[in-house]
Amino acid sequence: MAPFLLSVLNSCHQGRFDEVAEFVILVQAVDFREQTAVVDRLSEYTAKGFGLVVIDTITGLYRARVAETSGKAFGLNRELNRQMANIAQTAKVQKIPVITTSQVHGVFGEN
């Protein structure tokens, strides 16, 4: 697990990380294709009574892939939208709250 996540979980549970760790599944995709595979299997990961799904920086690997494939953003946009729809459907069907974050790189109107 990421060191930051370990320290957060440990502090939130008064040093009882071992008791909490068995309830945490951490998946860290290395590229947009792997993120697609993880999202496609989300309902399998959450089938066992999950209480919360957190997806940090959903657009990070998407942006990296767009930068690699100039001019092919339409298909990648569609895939990201499909992933978000799959996440929303899983949340709705399994009644699981989902938090997704995204990075903002700029503000419109600023130079």
PDB file of N, CA and C in Angstrom:
ATOM      1  N   MET A   1       0.837  -1.183   0.000  1.00  0.00           N
ATOM      2  CA  MET A   1       0.000   0.000   0.000  1.00  0.00           C
ATOM      3  C   MET A   1       0.876   1.238   0.000  1.00  0.00           C
ATOM      4  N   ALA A   2       0.311   2.308  -0.489  1.00  0.00           N
ATOM      5  CA  ALA A   2       1.024   3.570  -0.510  1.00  0.00           C
ATOM      6  C   ALA A   2       1.302   4.023   0.922  1.00  0.00           C
ATOM      7  N   PRO A   3       2.500   4.556   1.187  1.00  0.00           N
ATOM      8  CA  PRO A   3       2.839   4.973   2.551  1.00  0.00           C
ATOM      9  C   PRO A   3       1.852   5.984   3.129  1.00  0.00           C
ATOM     10  N   PHE A   4       1.389   6.939   2.318  1.00  0.00           N
ATOM     11  CA  PHE A   4       0.438   7.935   2.809  1.00  0.00           C
ATOM     12  C   PHE A   4      -0.848   7.265   3.265  1.00  0.00           C
ATOM     13  N   LEU A   5      -1.368   6.342   2.461  1.00  0.00           N
ATOM     14  CA  LEU A   5      -2.603   5.650   2.823  1.00  0.00           C
ATOM     15  C   LEU A   5      -2.429   4.862   4.115  1.00  0.00           C
ATOM     16  N   LEU A   6      -1.289   4.224   4.253  1.00  0.00           N
ATOM     17  CA  LEU A   6      -1.019   3.478   5.483  1.00  0.00           C
ATOM     18  C   LEU A   6      -1.065   4.382   6.699  1.00  0.00           C
ATOM     19  N   SER A   7      -0.435   5.543   6.605  1.00  0.00           N
ATOM     20  CA  SER A   7      -0.409   6.443   7.759  1.00  0.00           C
ATOM     21  C   SER A   7      -1.795   7.004   8.058  1.00  0.00           C
ATOM     22  N   VAL A   8      -2.586   7.290   7.024  1.00  0.00           N
ATOM     23  CA  VAL A   8      -3.950   7.792   7.230  1.00  0.00           C
ATOM     24  C   VAL A   8      -4.805   6.732   7.907  1.00  0.00           C
ATOM     25  N   LEU A   9      -4.771   5.517   7.386  1.00  0.00           N
ATOM     26  CA  LEU A   9      -5.565   4.437   7.987  1.00  0.00           C
ATOM     27  C   LEU A   9      -5.143   4.167   9.425  1.00  0.00           C
ATOM     28  N   ASN A  10      -3.853   4.183   9.663  1.00  0.00           N
ATOM     29  CA  ASN A  10      -3.356   3.934  11.013  1.00  0.00           C
ATOM     30  C   ASN A  10      -3.816   5.018  11.982  1.00  0.00           C
ATOM     31  N   SER A  11      -3.735   6.275  11.558  1.00  0.00           N
ATOM     32  CA  SER A  11      -4.129   7.362  12.456  1.00  0.00           C
ATOM     33  C   SER A  11      -5.641   7.414  12.653  1.00  0.00           C
ATOM     34  N   CYS A  12      -6.413   7.075  11.622  1.00  0.00           N
ATOM     35  CA  CYS A  12      -7.870   7.088  11.746  1.00  0.00           C
ATOM     36  C   CYS A  12      -8.382   5.996  12.686  1.00  0.00           C
ATOM     37  N   HIS A  13      -7.598   4.973  12.870  1.00  0.00           N
ATOM     38  CA  HIS A  13      -8.046   3.841  13.679  1.00  0.00           C
ATOM     39  C   HIS A  13      -7.147   3.624  14.894  1.00  0.00           C
ATOM     40  N   GLN A  14      -6.613   4.711  15.437  1.00  0.00           N
ATOM     41  CA  GLN A  14      -5.825   4.709  16.662  1.00  0.00           C
ATOM     42  C   GLN A  14      -4.774   3.594  16.707  1.00  0.00           C
ATOM     43  N   GLY A  15      -4.031   3.435  15.615  1.00  0.00           N
ATOM     44  CA  GLY A  15      -2.950   2.468  15.602  1.00  0.00           C
ATOM     45  C   GLY A  15      -3.369   1.025  15.401  1.00  0.00           C
ATOM     46  N   ARG A  16      -4.615   0.794  15.108  1.00  0.00           N
ATOM     47  CA  ARG A  16      -5.097  -0.590  14.923  1.00  0.00           C
ATOM     48  C   ARG A  16      -5.178  -0.930  13.439  1.00  0.00           C
ATOM     49  N   PHE A  17      -4.141  -0.607  12.692  1.00  0.00           N
ATOM     50  CA  PHE A  17      -4.156  -0.807  11.248  1.00  0.00           C
ATOM     51  C   PHE A  17      -4.409  -2.256  10.867  1.00  0.00           C
ATOM     52  N   ASP A  18      -3.834  -3.193  11.584  1.00  0.00           N
ATOM     53  CA  ASP A  18      -3.992  -4.610  11.244  1.00  0.00           C
ATOM     54  C   ASP A  18      -5.460  -5.030  11.250  1.00  0.00           C
ATOM     55  N   GLU A  19      -6.257  -4.429  12.129  1.00  0.00           N
ATOM     56  CA  GLU A  19      -7.683  -4.756  12.182  1.00  0.00           C
ATOM     57  C   GLU A  19      -8.436  -4.201  10.978  1.00  0.00           C
ATOM     58  N   VAL A  20      -7.969  -3.088  10.451  1.00  0.00           N
ATOM     59  CA  VAL A  20      -8.649  -2.407   9.348  1.00  0.00           C
ATOM     60  C   VAL A  20      -8.151  -2.899   7.990  1.00  0.00           C
ATOM     61  N   ALA A  21      -6.903  -3.289   7.911  1.00  0.00           N
ATOM     62  CA  ALA A  21      -6.268  -3.624   6.635  1.00  0.00           C
ATOM     63  C   ALA A  21      -7.011  -4.703   5.853  1.00  0.00           C
ATOM     64  N   GLU A  22      -7.592  -5.664   6.547  1.00  0.00           N
ATOM     65  CA  GLU A  22      -8.288  -6.736   5.833  1.00  0.00           C
ATOM     66  C   GLU A  22      -9.540  -6.244   5.104  1.00  0.00           C
ATOM     67  N   PHE A  23      -9.995  -5.031   5.430  1.00  0.00           N
ATOM     68  CA  PHE A  23     -11.179  -4.464   4.794  1.00  0.00           C
ATOM     69  C   PHE A  23     -10.845  -3.491   3.669  1.00  0.00           C
ATOM     70  N   VAL A  24      -9.566  -3.354   3.342  1.00  0.00           N
ATOM     71  CA  VAL A  24      -9.120  -2.397   2.336  1.00  0.00           C
ATOM     72  C   VAL A  24      -8.552  -3.156   1.144  1.00  0.00           C
ATOM     73  N   ILE A  25      -9.021  -2.778  -0.034  1.00  0.00           N
ATOM     74  CA  ILE A  25      -8.432  -3.288  -1.263  1.00  0.00           C
ATOM     75  C   ILE A  25      -7.873  -2.082  -2.002  1.00  0.00           C
ATOM     76  N   LEU A  26      -6.588  -2.101  -2.270  1.00  0.00           N
ATOM     77  CA  LEU A  26      -5.936  -1.015  -2.971  1.00  0.00           C
ATOM     78  C   LEU A  26      -5.496  -1.525  -4.326  1.00  0.00           C
ATOM     79  N   VAL A  27      -5.957  -0.854  -5.361  1.00  0.00           N
ATOM     80  CA  VAL A  27      -5.563  -1.194  -6.722  1.00  0.00           C
ATOM     81  C   VAL A  27      -4.962   0.056  -7.336  1.00  0.00           C
ATOM     82  N   GLN A  28      -3.766  -0.071  -7.877  1.00  0.00           N
ATOM     83  CA  GLN A  28      -3.106   1.074  -8.484  1.00  0.00           C
ATOM     84  C   GLN A  28      -2.767   0.728  -9.925  1.00  0.00           C
ATOM     85  N   ALA A  29      -3.577   1.235 -10.843  1.00  0.00           N
ATOM     86  CA  ALA A  29      -3.354   0.988 -12.261  1.00  0.00           C
ATOM     87  C   ALA A  29      -2.113   1.749 -12.730  1.00  0.00           C
ATOM     88  N   VAL A  30      -1.397   1.179 -13.690  1.00  0.00           N
ATOM     89  CA  VAL A  30      -0.189   1.821 -14.195  1.00  0.00           C
ATOM     90  C   VAL A  30      -0.414   2.564 -15.505  1.00  0.00           C
ATOM     91  N   ASP A  31      -1.515   2.254 -16.191  1.00  0.00           N
ATOM     92  CA  ASP A  31      -1.843   2.973 -17.420  1.00  0.00           C
ATOM     93  C   ASP A  31      -3.357   2.949 -17.635  1.00  0.00           C
ATOM     94  N   PHE A  32      -3.812   3.673 -18.645  1.00  0.00           N
ATOM     95  CA  PHE A  32      -5.253   3.816 -18.872  1.00  0.00           C
ATOM     96  C   PHE A  32      -5.908   2.483 -19.229  1.00  0.00           C
ATOM     97  N   ARG A  33      -5.195   1.636 -19.927  1.00  0.00           N
ATOM     98  CA  ARG A  33      -5.721   0.311 -20.277  1.00  0.00           C
ATOM     99  C   ARG A  33      -5.964  -0.517 -19.011  1.00  0.00           C
ATOM    100  N   GLU A  34      -5.028  -0.469 -18.083  1.00  0.00           N
ATOM    101  CA  GLU A  34      -5.189  -1.209 -16.830  1.00  0.00           C
ATOM    102  C   GLU A  34      -6.319  -0.605 -15.991  1.00  0.00           C
ATOM    103  N   GLN A  35      -6.449   0.720 -16.015  1.00  0.00           N
ATOM    104  CA  GLN A  35      -7.562   1.371 -15.316  1.00  0.00           C
ATOM    105  C   GLN A  35      -8.891   0.874 -15.876  1.00  0.00           C
ATOM    106  N   THR A  36      -8.967   0.738 -17.192  1.00  0.00           N
ATOM    107  CA  THR A  36     -10.178   0.224 -17.833  1.00  0.00           C
ATOM    108  C   THR A  36     -10.502  -1.170 -17.309  1.00  0.00           C
ATOM    109  N   ALA A  37      -9.500  -2.028 -17.215  1.00  0.00           N
ATOM    110  CA  ALA A  37      -9.708  -3.394 -16.725  1.00  0.00           C
ATOM    111  C   ALA A  37     -10.196  -3.398 -15.276  1.00  0.00           C
ATOM    112  N   VAL A  38      -9.628  -2.523 -14.452  1.00  0.00           N
ATOM    113  CA  VAL A  38     -10.038  -2.452 -13.043  1.00  0.00           C
ATOM    114  C   VAL A  38     -11.486  -1.978 -12.939  1.00  0.00           C
ATOM    115  N   VAL A  39     -11.825  -0.927 -13.670  1.00  0.00           N
ATOM    116  CA  VAL A  39     -13.192  -0.398 -13.627  1.00  0.00           C
ATOM    117  C   VAL A  39     -14.183  -1.432 -14.160  1.00  0.00           C
ATOM    118  N   ASP A  40     -13.795  -2.155 -15.197  1.00  0.00           N
ATOM    119  CA  ASP A  40     -14.681  -3.187 -15.745  1.00  0.00           C
ATOM    120  C   ASP A  40     -14.969  -4.289 -14.733  1.00  0.00           C
ATOM    121  N   ARG A  41     -14.056  -4.515 -13.796  1.00  0.00           N
ATOM    122  CA  ARG A  41     -14.228  -5.561 -12.783  1.00  0.00           C
ATOM    123  C   ARG A  41     -14.680  -4.998 -11.435  1.00  0.00           C
ATOM    124  N   LEU A  42     -15.036  -3.729 -11.390  1.00  0.00           N
ATOM    125  CA  LEU A  42     -15.395  -3.082 -10.128  1.00  0.00           C
ATOM    126  C   LEU A  42     -16.503  -3.824  -9.389  1.00  0.00           C
ATOM    127  N   SER A  43     -17.510  -4.282 -10.115  1.00  0.00           N
ATOM    128  CA  SER A  43     -18.621  -4.973  -9.450  1.00  0.00           C
ATOM    129  C   SER A  43     -18.159  -6.277  -8.805  1.00  0.00           C
ATOM    130  N   GLU A  44     -17.111  -6.899  -9.330  1.00  0.00           N
ATOM    131  CA  GLU A  44     -16.555  -8.104  -8.701  1.00  0.00           C
ATOM    132  C   GLU A  44     -15.832  -7.764  -7.405  1.00  0.00           C
ATOM    133  N   TYR A  45     -15.093  -6.658  -7.414  1.00  0.00           N
ATOM    134  CA  TYR A  45     -14.369  -6.240  -6.213  1.00  0.00           C
ATOM    135  C   TYR A  45     -15.334  -5.862  -5.093  1.00  0.00           C
ATOM    136  N   THR A  46     -16.461  -5.277  -5.453  1.00  0.00           N
ATOM    137  CA  THR A  46     -17.377  -4.720  -4.459  1.00  0.00           C
ATOM    138  C   THR A  46     -18.536  -5.647  -4.121  1.00  0.00           C
ATOM    139  N   ALA A  47     -18.527  -6.851  -4.617  1.00  0.00           N
ATOM    140  CA  ALA A  47     -19.649  -7.771  -4.425  1.00  0.00           C
ATOM    141  C   ALA A  47     -19.784  -8.262  -2.982  1.00  0.00           C
ATOM    142  N   LYS A  48     -18.785  -8.040  -2.158  1.00  0.00           N
ATOM    143  CA  LYS A  48     -18.787  -8.619  -0.810  1.00  0.00           C
ATOM    144  C   LYS A  48     -19.088  -7.585   0.268  1.00  0.00           C
ATOM    145  N   GLY A  49     -20.133  -6.787   0.075  1.00  0.00           N
ATOM    146  CA  GLY A  49     -20.577  -5.869   1.118  1.00  0.00           C
ATOM    147  C   GLY A  49     -19.681  -4.673   1.355  1.00  0.00           C
ATOM    148  N   PHE A  50     -19.196  -4.069   0.325  1.00  0.00           N
ATOM    149  CA  PHE A  50     -18.363  -2.885   0.460  1.00  0.00           C
ATOM    150  C   PHE A  50     -19.160  -1.726   1.024  1.00  0.00           C
ATOM    151  N   GLY A  51     -18.471  -0.833   1.729  1.00  0.00           N
ATOM    152  CA  GLY A  51     -19.126   0.336   2.294  1.00  0.00           C
ATOM    153  C   GLY A  51     -18.802   1.608   1.532  1.00  0.00           C
ATOM    154  N   LEU A  52     -17.685   1.634   0.798  1.00  0.00           N
ATOM    155  CA  LEU A  52     -17.265   2.851   0.098  1.00  0.00           C
ATOM    156  C   LEU A  52     -16.235   2.495  -0.960  1.00  0.00           C
ATOM    157  N   VAL A  53     -16.336   3.152  -2.111  1.00  0.00           N
ATOM    158  CA  VAL A  53     -15.330   3.051  -3.167  1.00  0.00           C
ATOM    159  C   VAL A  53     -14.751   4.445  -3.355  1.00  0.00           C
ATOM    160  N   VAL A  54     -13.434   4.551  -3.349  1.00  0.00           N
ATOM    161  CA  VAL A  54     -12.759   5.820  -3.601  1.00  0.00           C
ATOM    162  C   VAL A  54     -11.835   5.627  -4.791  1.00  0.00           C
ATOM    163  N   ILE A  55     -12.008   6.464  -5.789  1.00  0.00           N
ATOM    164  CA  ILE A  55     -11.144   6.425  -6.974  1.00  0.00           C
ATOM    165  C   ILE A  55     -10.453   7.773  -7.053  1.00  0.00           C
ATOM    166  N   ASP A  56      -9.152   7.751  -6.807  1.00  0.00           N
ATOM    167  CA  ASP A  56      -8.376   8.979  -6.771  1.00  0.00           C
ATOM    168  C   ASP A  56      -7.823   9.294  -8.156  1.00  0.00           C
ATOM    169  N   THR A  57      -8.057  10.486  -8.608  1.00  0.00           N
ATOM    170  CA  THR A  57      -7.544  11.011  -9.865  1.00  0.00           C
ATOM    171  C   THR A  57      -7.950  10.135 -11.048  1.00  0.00           C
ATOM    172  N   ILE A  58      -9.237  10.014 -11.253  1.00  0.00           N
ATOM    173  CA  ILE A  58      -9.783   9.179 -12.335  1.00  0.00           C
ATOM    174  C   ILE A  58      -9.267   9.609 -13.713  1.00  0.00           C
ATOM    175  N   THR A  59      -8.908  10.875 -13.868  1.00  0.00           N
ATOM    176  CA  THR A  59      -8.491  11.363 -15.185  1.00  0.00           C
ATOM    177  C   THR A  59      -6.977  11.388 -15.387  1.00  0.00           C
ATOM    178  N   GLY A  60      -6.197  11.041 -14.385  1.00  0.00           N
ATOM    179  CA  GLY A  60      -4.743  11.130 -14.500  1.00  0.00           C
ATOM    180  C   GLY A  60      -4.169  10.259 -15.608  1.00  0.00           C
ATOM    181  N   LEU A  61      -4.523   8.994 -15.619  1.00  0.00           N
ATOM    182  CA  LEU A  61      -4.000   8.081 -16.646  1.00  0.00           C
ATOM    183  C   LEU A  61      -4.622   8.363 -18.007  1.00  0.00           C
ATOM    184  N   TYR A  62      -5.866   8.852 -18.001  1.00  0.00           N
ATOM    185  CA  TYR A  62      -6.524   9.276 -19.241  1.00  0.00           C
ATOM    186  C   TYR A  62      -5.722  10.410 -19.882  1.00  0.00           C
ATOM    187  N   ARG A  63      -5.370  11.425 -19.093  1.00  0.00           N
ATOM    188  CA  ARG A  63      -4.616  12.567 -19.621  1.00  0.00           C
ATOM    189  C   ARG A  63      -3.269  12.127 -20.166  1.00  0.00           C
ATOM    190  N   ALA A  64      -2.617  11.219 -19.476  1.00  0.00           N
ATOM    191  CA  ALA A  64      -1.326  10.719 -19.944  1.00  0.00           C
ATOM    192  C   ALA A  64      -1.481  10.021 -21.291  1.00  0.00           C
ATOM    193  N   ARG A  65      -2.540   9.248 -21.449  1.00  0.00           N
ATOM    194  CA  ARG A  65      -2.784   8.535 -22.705  1.00  0.00           C
ATOM    195  C   ARG A  65      -3.130   9.505 -23.825  1.00  0.00           C
ATOM    196  N   VAL A  66      -3.919  10.538 -23.542  1.00  0.00           N
ATOM    197  CA  VAL A  66      -4.250  11.547 -24.547  1.00  0.00           C
ATOM    198  C   VAL A  66      -2.973  12.233 -25.032  1.00  0.00           C
ATOM    199  N   ALA A  67      -2.078  12.525 -24.112  1.00  0.00           N
ATOM    200  CA  ALA A  67      -0.821  13.177 -24.482  1.00  0.00           C
ATOM    201  C   ALA A  67       0.022  12.291 -25.401  1.00  0.00           C
ATOM    202  N   GLU A  68      -0.073  10.979 -25.228  1.00  0.00           N
ATOM    203  CA  GLU A  68       0.691  10.040 -26.062  1.00  0.00           C
ATOM    204  C   GLU A  68       0.100   9.885 -27.448  1.00  0.00           C
ATOM    205  N   THR A  69      -1.205  10.054 -27.573  1.00  0.00           N
ATOM    206  CA  THR A  69      -1.893   9.774 -28.841  1.00  0.00           C
ATOM    207  C   THR A  69      -2.589  11.027 -29.351  1.00  0.00           C
ATOM    208  N   SER A  70      -1.824  11.970 -29.817  1.00  0.00           N
ATOM    209  CA  SER A  70      -2.407  13.216 -30.303  1.00  0.00           C
ATOM    210  C   SER A  70      -3.380  12.940 -31.443  1.00  0.00           C
ATOM    211  N   GLY A  71      -4.534  13.598 -31.376  1.00  0.00           N
ATOM    212  CA  GLY A  71      -5.534  13.450 -32.417  1.00  0.00           C
ATOM    213  C   GLY A  71      -6.491  12.286 -32.218  1.00  0.00           C
ATOM    214  N   LYS A  72      -6.316  11.487 -31.176  1.00  0.00           N
ATOM    215  CA  LYS A  72      -7.184  10.334 -30.957  1.00  0.00           C
ATOM    216  C   LYS A  72      -7.963  10.453 -29.652  1.00  0.00           C
ATOM    217  N   ALA A  73      -8.272  11.673 -29.265  1.00  0.00           N
ATOM    218  CA  ALA A  73      -8.930  11.890 -27.982  1.00  0.00           C
ATOM    219  C   ALA A  73     -10.378  11.426 -27.979  1.00  0.00           C
ATOM    220  N   PHE A  74     -11.047  11.388 -29.135  1.00  0.00           N
ATOM    221  CA  PHE A  74     -12.465  11.023 -29.164  1.00  0.00           C
ATOM    222  C   PHE A  74     -12.697   9.639 -28.567  1.00  0.00           C
ATOM    223  N   GLY A  75     -11.937   8.648 -28.988  1.00  0.00           N
ATOM    224  CA  GLY A  75     -12.100   7.293 -28.467  1.00  0.00           C
ATOM    225  C   GLY A  75     -11.757   7.206 -26.993  1.00  0.00           C
ATOM    226  N   LEU A  76     -10.744   7.947 -26.569  1.00  0.00           N
ATOM    227  CA  LEU A  76     -10.371   7.960 -25.158  1.00  0.00           C
ATOM    228  C   LEU A  76     -11.432   8.651 -24.321  1.00  0.00           C
ATOM    229  N   ASN A  77     -12.023   9.730 -24.861  1.00  0.00           N
ATOM    230  CA  ASN A  77     -13.126  10.404 -24.162  1.00  0.00           C
ATOM    231  C   ASN A  77     -14.285   9.440 -23.966  1.00  0.00           C
ATOM    232  N   ARG A  78     -14.595   8.711 -25.013  1.00  0.00           N
ATOM    233  CA  ARG A  78     -15.694   7.750 -24.931  1.00  0.00           C
ATOM    234  C   ARG A  78     -15.400   6.679 -23.878  1.00  0.00           C
ATOM    235  N   GLU A  79     -14.156   6.206 -23.838  1.00  0.00           N
ATOM    236  CA  GLU A  79     -13.787   5.182 -22.858  1.00  0.00           C
ATOM    237  C   GLU A  79     -13.876   5.722 -21.438  1.00  0.00           C
ATOM    238  N   LEU A  80     -13.415   6.941 -21.209  1.00  0.00           N
ATOM    239  CA  LEU A  80     -13.520   7.530 -19.876  1.00  0.00           C
ATOM    240  C   LEU A  80     -14.990   7.685 -19.479  1.00  0.00           C
ATOM    241  N   ASN A  81     -15.830   8.127 -20.403  1.00  0.00           N
ATOM    242  CA  ASN A  81     -17.268   8.241 -20.123  1.00  0.00           C
ATOM    243  C   ASN A  81     -17.884   6.879 -19.822  1.00  0.00           C
ATOM    244  N   ARG A  82     -17.452   5.846 -20.546  1.00  0.00           N
ATOM    245  CA  ARG A  82     -17.950   4.496 -20.302  1.00  0.00           C
ATOM    246  C   ARG A  82     -17.536   4.020 -18.911  1.00  0.00           C
ATOM    247  N   GLN A  83     -16.295   4.325 -18.526  1.00  0.00           N
ATOM    248  CA  GLN A  83     -15.831   3.959 -17.189  1.00  0.00           C
ATOM    249  C   GLN A  83     -16.678   4.637 -16.115  1.00  0.00           C
ATOM    250  N   MET A  84     -16.938   5.922 -16.299  1.00  0.00           N
ATOM    251  CA  MET A  84     -17.745   6.651 -15.311  1.00  0.00           C
ATOM    252  C   MET A  84     -19.163   6.073 -15.242  1.00  0.00           C
ATOM    253  N   ALA A  85     -19.721   5.706 -16.385  1.00  0.00           N
ATOM    254  CA  ALA A  85     -21.056   5.094 -16.400  1.00  0.00           C
ATOM    255  C   ALA A  85     -21.040   3.752 -15.669  1.00  0.00           C
ATOM    256  N   ASN A  86     -19.991   2.966 -15.857  1.00  0.00           N
ATOM    257  CA  ASN A  86     -19.866   1.679 -15.178  1.00  0.00           C
ATOM    258  C   ASN A  86     -19.749   1.878 -13.667  1.00  0.00           C
ATOM    259  N   ILE A  87     -18.983   2.865 -13.253  1.00  0.00           N
ATOM    260  CA  ILE A  87     -18.843   3.177 -11.834  1.00  0.00           C
ATOM    261  C   ILE A  87     -20.193   3.587 -11.253  1.00  0.00           C
ATOM    262  N   ALA A  88     -20.907   4.456 -11.968  1.00  0.00           N
ATOM    263  CA  ALA A  88     -22.220   4.924 -11.500  1.00  0.00           C
ATOM    264  C   ALA A  88     -23.215   3.764 -11.411  1.00  0.00           C
ATOM    265  N   GLN A  89     -23.197   2.894 -12.403  1.00  0.00           N
ATOM    266  CA  GLN A  89     -24.109   1.745 -12.411  1.00  0.00           C
ATOM    267  C   GLN A  89     -23.810   0.797 -11.251  1.00  0.00           C
ATOM    268  N   THR A  90     -22.531   0.536 -11.013  1.00  0.00           N
ATOM    269  CA  THR A  90     -22.146  -0.325  -9.900  1.00  0.00           C
ATOM    270  C   THR A  90     -22.602   0.279  -8.573  1.00  0.00           C
ATOM    271  N   ALA A  91     -22.399   1.576  -8.423  1.00  0.00           N
ATOM    272  CA  ALA A  91     -22.816   2.264  -7.198  1.00  0.00           C
ATOM    273  C   ALA A  91     -24.323   2.175  -6.999  1.00  0.00           C
ATOM    274  N   LYS A  92     -25.061   2.347  -8.079  1.00  0.00           N
ATOM    275  CA  LYS A  92     -26.526   2.318  -8.001  1.00  0.00           C
ATOM    276  C   LYS A  92     -27.039   0.919  -7.681  1.00  0.00           C
ATOM    277  N   VAL A  93     -26.563  -0.070  -8.403  1.00  0.00           N
ATOM    278  CA  VAL A  93     -27.050  -1.438  -8.242  1.00  0.00           C
ATOM    279  C   VAL A  93     -26.659  -2.007  -6.880  1.00  0.00           C
ATOM    280  N   GLN A  94     -25.419  -1.770  -6.464  1.00  0.00           N
ATOM    281  CA  GLN A  94     -24.945  -2.348  -5.213  1.00  0.00           C
ATOM    282  C   GLN A  94     -25.142  -1.411  -4.019  1.00  0.00           C
ATOM    283  N   LYS A  95     -25.705  -0.237  -4.280  1.00  0.00           N
ATOM    284  CA  LYS A  95     -25.979   0.743  -3.215  1.00  0.00           C
ATOM    285  C   LYS A  95     -24.724   1.070  -2.405  1.00  0.00           C
ATOM    286  N   ILE A  96     -23.661   1.416  -3.154  1.00  0.00           N
ATOM    287  CA  ILE A  96     -22.373   1.743  -2.556  1.00  0.00           C
ATOM    288  C   ILE A  96     -22.042   3.198  -2.891  1.00  0.00           C
ATOM    289  N   PRO A  97     -21.707   4.009  -1.895  1.00  0.00           N
ATOM    290  CA  PRO A  97     -21.263   5.366  -2.219  1.00  0.00           C
ATOM    291  C   PRO A  97     -19.906   5.325  -2.915  1.00  0.00           C
ATOM    292  N   VAL A  98     -19.708   6.221  -3.867  1.00  0.00           N
ATOM    293  CA  VAL A  98     -18.460   6.296  -4.621  1.00  0.00           C
ATOM    294  C   VAL A  98     -17.959   7.732  -4.589  1.00  0.00           C
ATOM    295  N   ILE A  99     -16.685   7.897  -4.336  1.00  0.00           N
ATOM    296  CA  ILE A  99     -16.034   9.198  -4.411  1.00  0.00           C
ATOM    297  C   ILE A  99     -14.975   9.097  -5.503  1.00  0.00           C
ATOM    298  N   THR A 100     -15.049   9.988  -6.483  1.00  0.00           N
ATOM    299  CA  THR A 100     -14.009  10.069  -7.508  1.00  0.00           C
ATOM    300  C   THR A 100     -13.406  11.463  -7.444  1.00  0.00           C
ATOM    301  N   THR A 101     -12.103  11.535  -7.648  1.00  0.00           N
ATOM    302  CA  THR A 101     -11.442  12.831  -7.700  1.00  0.00           C
ATOM    303  C   THR A 101     -10.777  12.990  -9.050  1.00  0.00           C
ATOM    304  N   SER A 102     -10.497  14.227  -9.385  1.00  0.00           N
ATOM    305  CA  SER A 102      -9.823  14.544 -10.627  1.00  0.00           C
ATOM    306  C   SER A 102      -8.932  15.747 -10.382  1.00  0.00           C
ATOM    307  N   GLN A 103      -7.884  15.870 -11.135  1.00  0.00           N
ATOM    308  CA  GLN A 103      -6.992  17.011 -10.985  1.00  0.00           C
ATOM    309  C   GLN A 103      -7.407  18.118 -11.935  1.00  0.00           C
ATOM    310  N   VAL A 104      -7.274  19.342 -11.470  1.00  0.00           N
ATOM    311  CA  VAL A 104      -7.508  20.515 -12.311  1.00  0.00           C
ATOM    312  C   VAL A 104      -6.154  21.118 -12.603  1.00  0.00           C
ATOM    313  N   HIS A 105      -5.860  21.310 -13.888  1.00  0.00           N
ATOM    314  CA  HIS A 105      -4.551  21.825 -14.274  1.00  0.00           C
ATOM    315  C   HIS A 105      -4.548  23.302 -14.595  1.00  0.00           C
ATOM    316  N   GLY A 106      -5.691  23.885 -14.767  1.00  0.00           N
ATOM    317  CA  GLY A 106      -5.738  25.298 -15.091  1.00  0.00           C
ATOM    318  C   GLY A 106      -7.118  25.842 -14.865  1.00  0.00           C
ATOM    319  N   VAL A 107      -7.209  27.147 -14.906  1.00  0.00           N
ATOM    320  CA  VAL A 107      -8.486  27.818 -14.714  1.00  0.00           C
ATOM    321  C   VAL A 107      -8.792  28.563 -16.002  1.00  0.00           C
ATOM    322  N   PHE A 108     -10.022  28.423 -16.494  1.00  0.00           N
ATOM    323  CA  PHE A 108     -10.391  29.110 -17.713  1.00  0.00           C
ATOM    324  C   PHE A 108     -10.267  30.615 -17.526  1.00  0.00           C
ATOM    325  N   GLY A 109      -9.751  31.271 -18.533  1.00  0.00           N
ATOM    326  CA  GLY A 109      -9.632  32.724 -18.499  1.00  0.00           C
ATOM    327  C   GLY A 109      -8.314  33.231 -17.952  1.00  0.00           C
ATOM    328  N   GLU A 110      -7.495  32.341 -17.372  1.00  0.00           N
ATOM    329  CA  GLU A 110      -6.186  32.763 -16.884  1.00  0.00           C
ATOM    330  C   GLU A 110      -5.148  32.486 -17.953  1.00  0.00           C
ATOM    331  N   ASN A 111      -4.142  33.348 -18.027  1.00  0.00           N
ATOM    332  CA  ASN A 111      -3.070  33.168 -19.018  1.00  0.00           C
ATOM    333  C   ASN A 111      -1.897  32.470 -18.419  1.00  0.00           C
TER     334      ASN A 111
END
